Protein backbone atom coordinates (compact mmCIF):
# COMPACT_ATOMS: atom_id res chain seq x y z
CA MET A 1 0.00 0.00 0.00
CA MET A 2 1.30 3.45 -0.90
CA SER A 3 1.80 5.95 1.91
CA TYR A 4 0.37 9.44 1.46
CA TYR A 5 2.79 10.90 3.97
CA PRO A 6 6.30 11.81 2.81
CA GLU A 7 9.26 10.15 4.45
CA PRO A 8 10.89 12.36 7.11
CA GLU A 9 13.72 14.40 5.66
CA THR A 10 17.08 13.43 7.13
CA VAL A 11 19.38 16.15 8.42
CA ILE A 12 22.41 13.91 9.03
CA GLY A 13 25.36 15.11 6.94
CA ARG A 14 23.91 18.58 6.39
CA SER A 15 25.62 21.76 7.44
CA ALA A 16 24.11 24.13 9.98
CA TYR A 17 25.03 27.42 11.66
CA VAL A 18 25.31 27.93 15.42
CA THR A 19 22.89 30.57 16.71
CA VAL A 20 23.38 29.92 20.45
CA ALA A 21 26.90 28.90 21.50
CA ILE A 22 27.34 25.19 22.19
CA PRO A 23 29.32 24.78 25.45
CA GLY A 24 30.25 21.17 24.64
CA GLY A 25 29.67 17.99 26.59
CA THR A 26 26.26 17.71 28.25
CA LYS A 27 25.16 21.33 27.68
CA ALA A 28 23.21 22.27 24.56
CA GLY A 29 23.30 25.23 22.22
CA GLU A 30 21.21 25.89 19.15
CA VAL A 31 21.70 25.62 15.39
CA ILE A 32 19.68 26.65 12.37
CA ILE A 33 19.47 24.33 9.39
CA ARG A 34 17.67 24.30 6.03
CA VAL A 35 14.84 21.76 6.03
CA SER A 36 12.01 21.31 3.53
CA GLY A 37 12.59 24.60 1.73
CA GLY A 38 12.80 26.69 4.92
CA THR A 39 14.95 26.96 8.02
CA GLU A 40 14.43 25.33 11.40
CA SER A 41 16.07 25.69 14.81
CA TYR A 42 17.30 22.63 16.71
CA MET A 43 18.96 22.09 20.06
CA ALA A 44 22.52 20.92 19.45
CA PHE A 45 25.23 19.13 21.39
CA ALA A 46 28.92 18.76 20.49
CA ASP A 47 32.00 17.19 22.08
CA GLN A 48 33.78 20.55 22.20
CA PRO A 49 32.63 24.18 22.53
CA VAL A 50 31.42 25.84 19.31
CA GLU A 51 30.97 29.61 18.99
CA ILE A 52 28.02 31.53 17.56
CA GLY A 53 28.23 31.82 13.77
CA ALA A 54 30.36 28.70 13.32
CA GLN A 55 29.41 26.22 10.63
CA VAL A 56 28.88 22.63 11.80
CA VAL A 57 27.85 19.33 10.26
CA VAL A 58 25.07 17.18 11.72
CA VAL A 59 26.49 13.86 12.90
CA ALA A 60 23.40 12.38 14.59
CA ASP A 61 19.72 13.10 15.05
CA ARG A 62 18.79 12.42 18.68
CA GLY A 63 15.07 12.99 18.09
CA ALA A 64 12.82 15.63 19.69
CA ARG A 65 14.49 18.37 17.59
CA THR A 66 17.89 17.60 19.13
CA LEU A 67 21.07 17.06 17.10
CA PHE A 68 24.68 16.10 17.71
CA VAL A 69 27.04 18.22 15.60
CA SER A 70 30.74 18.58 14.79
CA PRO A 71 32.57 21.76 13.69
CA LEU A 72 33.61 21.98 10.05
């Protein structure tokens, strides 16, 4: 049977920009990423601190609008 709902768009491997500094470790920041023809904000974690305006790549989607990213 054909589904009438589109498959969720994956963000893994896409680049994003940090809008709220990511302290690193267990503390989150925020990134903005292009999704479905627009932009969306997501909470983001990283192993190391990442400053506002830095470009990052999405490494994992943790669900609930939360991503794990790595600096480019």
